[in-house]
């Protein structure tokens, strides 16, 4: 299960690169772009760590994965609310 989240998040990073990066800075400010990149890379690393932890301690790995998913309860990048 953790590997699935890892792969989905990896796809999300490529999606950001493909859809957001080519847009002009007026459409998506640099601070929002940076926040999106940091959040996606941080959660990717946490999902990877959770997958490794889950091999020995499945409950701890699941808890790490759930904490990581809590970041996505608010899908907007920080700084996008007006």
N, C-alpha and C. Protein backbone atom coordinates (compact mmCIF):
# COMPACT_ATOMS: atom_id res chain seq x y z
N UNK A 1 0.83 -1.18 0.00
CA UNK A 1 0.00 0.00 0.00
C UNK A 1 0.88 1.26 0.00
N UNK A 2 1.91 1.27 0.82
CA UNK A 2 2.79 2.44 0.88
C UNK A 2 3.50 2.67 -0.45
N UNK A 3 3.84 1.59 -1.13
CA UNK A 3 4.50 1.73 -2.43
C UNK A 3 3.57 2.39 -3.44
N UNK A 4 2.28 2.10 -3.36
CA UNK A 4 1.31 2.73 -4.25
C UNK A 4 1.27 4.23 -4.02
N UNK A 5 1.21 4.65 -2.77
CA UNK A 5 1.22 6.08 -2.46
C UNK A 5 2.52 6.73 -2.94
N UNK A 6 3.61 6.03 -2.78
CA UNK A 6 4.91 6.53 -3.24
C UNK A 6 4.87 6.78 -4.75
N UNK A 7 4.36 5.81 -5.50
CA UNK A 7 4.33 5.94 -6.96
C UNK A 7 3.34 7.03 -7.40
N UNK A 8 2.22 7.15 -6.71
CA UNK A 8 1.25 8.20 -7.04
C UNK A 8 1.87 9.57 -6.79
N UNK A 9 2.58 9.70 -5.68
CA UNK A 9 3.22 10.98 -5.37
C UNK A 9 4.34 11.30 -6.36
N UNK A 10 5.05 10.30 -6.81
CA UNK A 10 6.07 10.50 -7.83
C UNK A 10 5.42 11.01 -9.12
N UNK A 11 4.28 10.46 -9.47
CA UNK A 11 3.53 10.92 -10.64
C UNK A 11 3.09 12.37 -10.45
N UNK A 12 2.70 12.72 -9.22
CA UNK A 12 2.28 14.09 -8.91
C UNK A 12 3.43 15.07 -9.15
N UNK A 13 4.64 14.68 -8.80
CA UNK A 13 5.80 15.55 -9.02
C UNK A 13 5.99 15.80 -10.52
N UNK A 14 5.85 14.76 -11.32
CA UNK A 14 5.98 14.93 -12.78
C UNK A 14 4.83 15.77 -13.33
N UNK A 15 3.64 15.63 -12.76
CA UNK A 15 2.49 16.42 -13.18
C UNK A 15 2.73 17.90 -12.89
N UNK A 16 3.26 18.22 -11.72
CA UNK A 16 3.59 19.61 -11.39
C UNK A 16 4.58 20.16 -12.39
N UNK A 17 5.61 19.38 -12.67
CA UNK A 17 6.64 19.83 -13.60
C UNK A 17 6.06 20.08 -14.99
N UNK A 18 5.16 19.23 -15.42
CA UNK A 18 4.60 19.33 -16.77
C UNK A 18 3.56 20.45 -16.90
N UNK A 19 2.73 20.64 -15.87
CA UNK A 19 1.62 21.59 -15.98
C UNK A 19 1.90 22.96 -15.37
N UNK A 20 2.62 23.03 -14.29
CA UNK A 20 2.79 24.29 -13.58
C UNK A 20 4.04 25.04 -14.03
N UNK A 21 5.12 24.36 -14.22
CA UNK A 21 6.38 25.03 -14.55
C UNK A 21 6.32 25.87 -15.83
N UNK A 22 5.65 25.42 -16.90
CA UNK A 22 5.64 26.24 -18.12
C UNK A 22 4.77 27.50 -18.01
N UNK A 23 3.89 27.58 -17.01
CA UNK A 23 3.01 28.74 -16.89
C UNK A 23 3.81 29.99 -16.51
N UNK A 24 3.32 31.15 -16.92
CA UNK A 24 4.01 32.38 -16.54
C UNK A 24 3.94 32.61 -15.03
N UNK A 25 4.88 33.38 -14.51
CA UNK A 25 4.95 33.65 -13.08
C UNK A 25 3.70 34.38 -12.60
N UNK A 26 3.04 35.12 -13.51
CA UNK A 26 1.80 35.81 -13.13
C UNK A 26 0.72 34.83 -12.73
N UNK A 27 0.65 33.69 -13.41
CA UNK A 27 -0.40 32.70 -13.15
C UNK A 27 -0.16 31.95 -11.85
N UNK A 28 1.06 31.54 -11.62
CA UNK A 28 1.42 30.80 -10.41
C UNK A 28 2.69 31.44 -9.84
N UNK A 29 2.55 32.17 -8.72
CA UNK A 29 3.73 32.85 -8.15
C UNK A 29 4.84 31.88 -7.76
N UNK A 30 6.05 32.38 -7.71
CA UNK A 30 7.21 31.55 -7.38
C UNK A 30 7.10 30.93 -5.99
N UNK A 31 6.53 31.66 -5.04
CA UNK A 31 6.39 31.11 -3.68
C UNK A 31 5.46 29.91 -3.67
N UNK A 32 4.41 29.96 -4.47
CA UNK A 32 3.47 28.84 -4.54
C UNK A 32 4.14 27.66 -5.24
N UNK A 33 4.87 27.92 -6.30
CA UNK A 33 5.59 26.84 -7.00
C UNK A 33 6.57 26.15 -6.06
N UNK A 34 7.30 26.95 -5.30
CA UNK A 34 8.27 26.40 -4.36
C UNK A 34 7.58 25.57 -3.29
N UNK A 35 6.47 26.07 -2.76
CA UNK A 35 5.73 25.33 -1.74
C UNK A 35 5.20 24.00 -2.30
N UNK A 36 4.73 24.00 -3.53
CA UNK A 36 4.24 22.77 -4.15
C UNK A 36 5.36 21.75 -4.32
N UNK A 37 6.53 22.24 -4.77
CA UNK A 37 7.68 21.34 -4.95
C UNK A 37 8.16 20.77 -3.62
N UNK A 38 8.27 21.61 -2.62
CA UNK A 38 8.76 21.15 -1.31
C UNK A 38 7.79 20.15 -0.72
N UNK A 39 6.49 20.44 -0.78
CA UNK A 39 5.49 19.53 -0.21
C UNK A 39 5.51 18.18 -0.93
N UNK A 40 5.61 18.21 -2.25
CA UNK A 40 5.58 16.94 -2.99
C UNK A 40 6.83 16.11 -2.75
N UNK A 41 7.99 16.75 -2.69
CA UNK A 41 9.23 16.01 -2.44
C UNK A 41 9.27 15.49 -1.00
N UNK A 42 8.81 16.31 -0.05
CA UNK A 42 8.80 15.87 1.35
C UNK A 42 7.87 14.68 1.55
N UNK A 43 6.69 14.73 0.96
CA UNK A 43 5.77 13.60 1.11
C UNK A 43 6.28 12.37 0.36
N UNK A 44 6.95 12.57 -0.76
CA UNK A 44 7.53 11.44 -1.48
C UNK A 44 8.56 10.73 -0.59
N UNK A 45 9.40 11.52 0.05
CA UNK A 45 10.41 10.93 0.95
C UNK A 45 9.74 10.22 2.13
N UNK A 46 8.70 10.84 2.69
CA UNK A 46 8.01 10.20 3.82
C UNK A 46 7.32 8.90 3.41
N UNK A 47 6.73 8.87 2.23
CA UNK A 47 6.12 7.63 1.75
C UNK A 47 7.16 6.55 1.55
N UNK A 48 8.32 6.93 1.02
CA UNK A 48 9.41 5.96 0.86
C UNK A 48 9.88 5.42 2.20
N UNK A 49 10.05 6.31 3.16
CA UNK A 49 10.46 5.89 4.51
C UNK A 49 9.39 5.00 5.13
N UNK A 50 8.11 5.36 4.94
CA UNK A 50 7.02 4.56 5.49
C UNK A 50 7.01 3.16 4.88
N UNK A 51 7.31 3.06 3.59
CA UNK A 51 7.35 1.75 2.94
C UNK A 51 8.46 0.88 3.54
N UNK A 52 9.61 1.50 3.82
CA UNK A 52 10.72 0.74 4.40
C UNK A 52 10.40 0.35 5.85
N UNK A 53 9.85 1.28 6.61
CA UNK A 53 9.48 0.99 8.00
C UNK A 53 8.44 -0.12 8.07
N UNK A 54 7.50 -0.09 7.12
CA UNK A 54 6.40 -1.06 7.14
C UNK A 54 6.88 -2.49 6.97
N UNK A 55 8.05 -2.69 6.42
CA UNK A 55 8.57 -4.05 6.27
C UNK A 55 8.81 -4.70 7.63
N UNK A 56 9.24 -3.91 8.61
CA UNK A 56 9.53 -4.44 9.94
C UNK A 56 8.40 -4.13 10.92
N UNK A 57 7.85 -2.92 10.86
CA UNK A 57 6.79 -2.47 11.77
C UNK A 57 5.61 -1.95 10.96
N UNK A 58 4.69 -2.82 10.57
CA UNK A 58 3.61 -2.40 9.67
C UNK A 58 2.71 -1.29 10.24
N UNK A 59 2.43 -1.33 11.53
CA UNK A 59 1.55 -0.31 12.12
C UNK A 59 2.23 1.07 12.10
N UNK A 60 3.51 1.10 12.40
CA UNK A 60 4.25 2.38 12.37
C UNK A 60 4.32 2.90 10.94
N UNK A 61 4.54 2.02 9.99
CA UNK A 61 4.56 2.42 8.59
C UNK A 61 3.22 2.98 8.14
N UNK A 62 2.15 2.35 8.56
CA UNK A 62 0.81 2.84 8.22
C UNK A 62 0.55 4.19 8.88
N UNK A 63 0.96 4.33 10.13
CA UNK A 63 0.76 5.61 10.82
C UNK A 63 1.55 6.73 10.13
N UNK A 64 2.76 6.43 9.70
CA UNK A 64 3.56 7.42 8.97
C UNK A 64 2.88 7.80 7.67
N UNK A 65 2.33 6.82 7.00
CA UNK A 65 1.62 7.06 5.74
C UNK A 65 0.38 7.93 5.98
N UNK A 66 -0.36 7.65 7.04
CA UNK A 66 -1.55 8.44 7.36
C UNK A 66 -1.19 9.88 7.70
N UNK A 67 -0.12 10.07 8.44
CA UNK A 67 0.34 11.43 8.75
C UNK A 67 0.72 12.17 7.47
N UNK A 68 1.31 11.46 6.57
CA UNK A 68 1.71 12.06 5.30
C UNK A 68 0.47 12.44 4.48
N UNK A 69 -0.53 11.61 4.51
CA UNK A 69 -1.76 11.91 3.76
C UNK A 69 -2.52 13.10 4.36
N UNK A 70 -2.33 13.35 5.65
CA UNK A 70 -3.00 14.49 6.29
C UNK A 70 -2.57 15.81 5.65
N UNK A 71 -1.38 15.85 5.07
CA UNK A 71 -0.90 17.05 4.39
C UNK A 71 -1.82 17.37 3.21
N UNK A 72 -2.38 16.36 2.60
CA UNK A 72 -3.21 16.57 1.40
C UNK A 72 -4.68 16.80 1.72
N UNK A 73 -5.04 16.95 2.99
CA UNK A 73 -6.43 17.29 3.31
C UNK A 73 -6.77 18.69 2.81
N UNK A 74 -5.78 19.54 2.77
CA UNK A 74 -5.94 20.87 2.16
C UNK A 74 -5.10 20.88 0.89
N UNK A 75 -5.72 20.61 -0.27
CA UNK A 75 -4.95 20.41 -1.49
C UNK A 75 -4.26 21.65 -2.04
N UNK A 76 -4.68 22.86 -1.63
CA UNK A 76 -4.01 24.05 -2.14
C UNK A 76 -2.62 24.17 -1.55
N UNK A 77 -1.75 24.70 -2.33
CA UNK A 77 -0.40 24.98 -1.82
C UNK A 77 -0.50 26.17 -0.87
N UNK A 78 0.32 26.18 0.17
CA UNK A 78 0.30 27.33 1.08
C UNK A 78 0.56 28.63 0.31
N UNK A 79 -0.22 29.65 0.65
CA UNK A 79 -0.05 30.93 0.00
C UNK A 79 -0.98 31.16 -1.17
N UNK A 80 -1.82 30.18 -1.52
CA UNK A 80 -2.71 30.35 -2.67
C UNK A 80 -4.05 30.95 -2.28
N UNK A 81 -4.39 30.97 -1.00
CA UNK A 81 -5.67 31.57 -0.59
C UNK A 81 -5.57 33.07 -0.70
N UNK A 82 -6.67 33.67 -1.13
CA UNK A 82 -6.67 35.14 -1.29
C UNK A 82 -7.71 35.75 -0.41
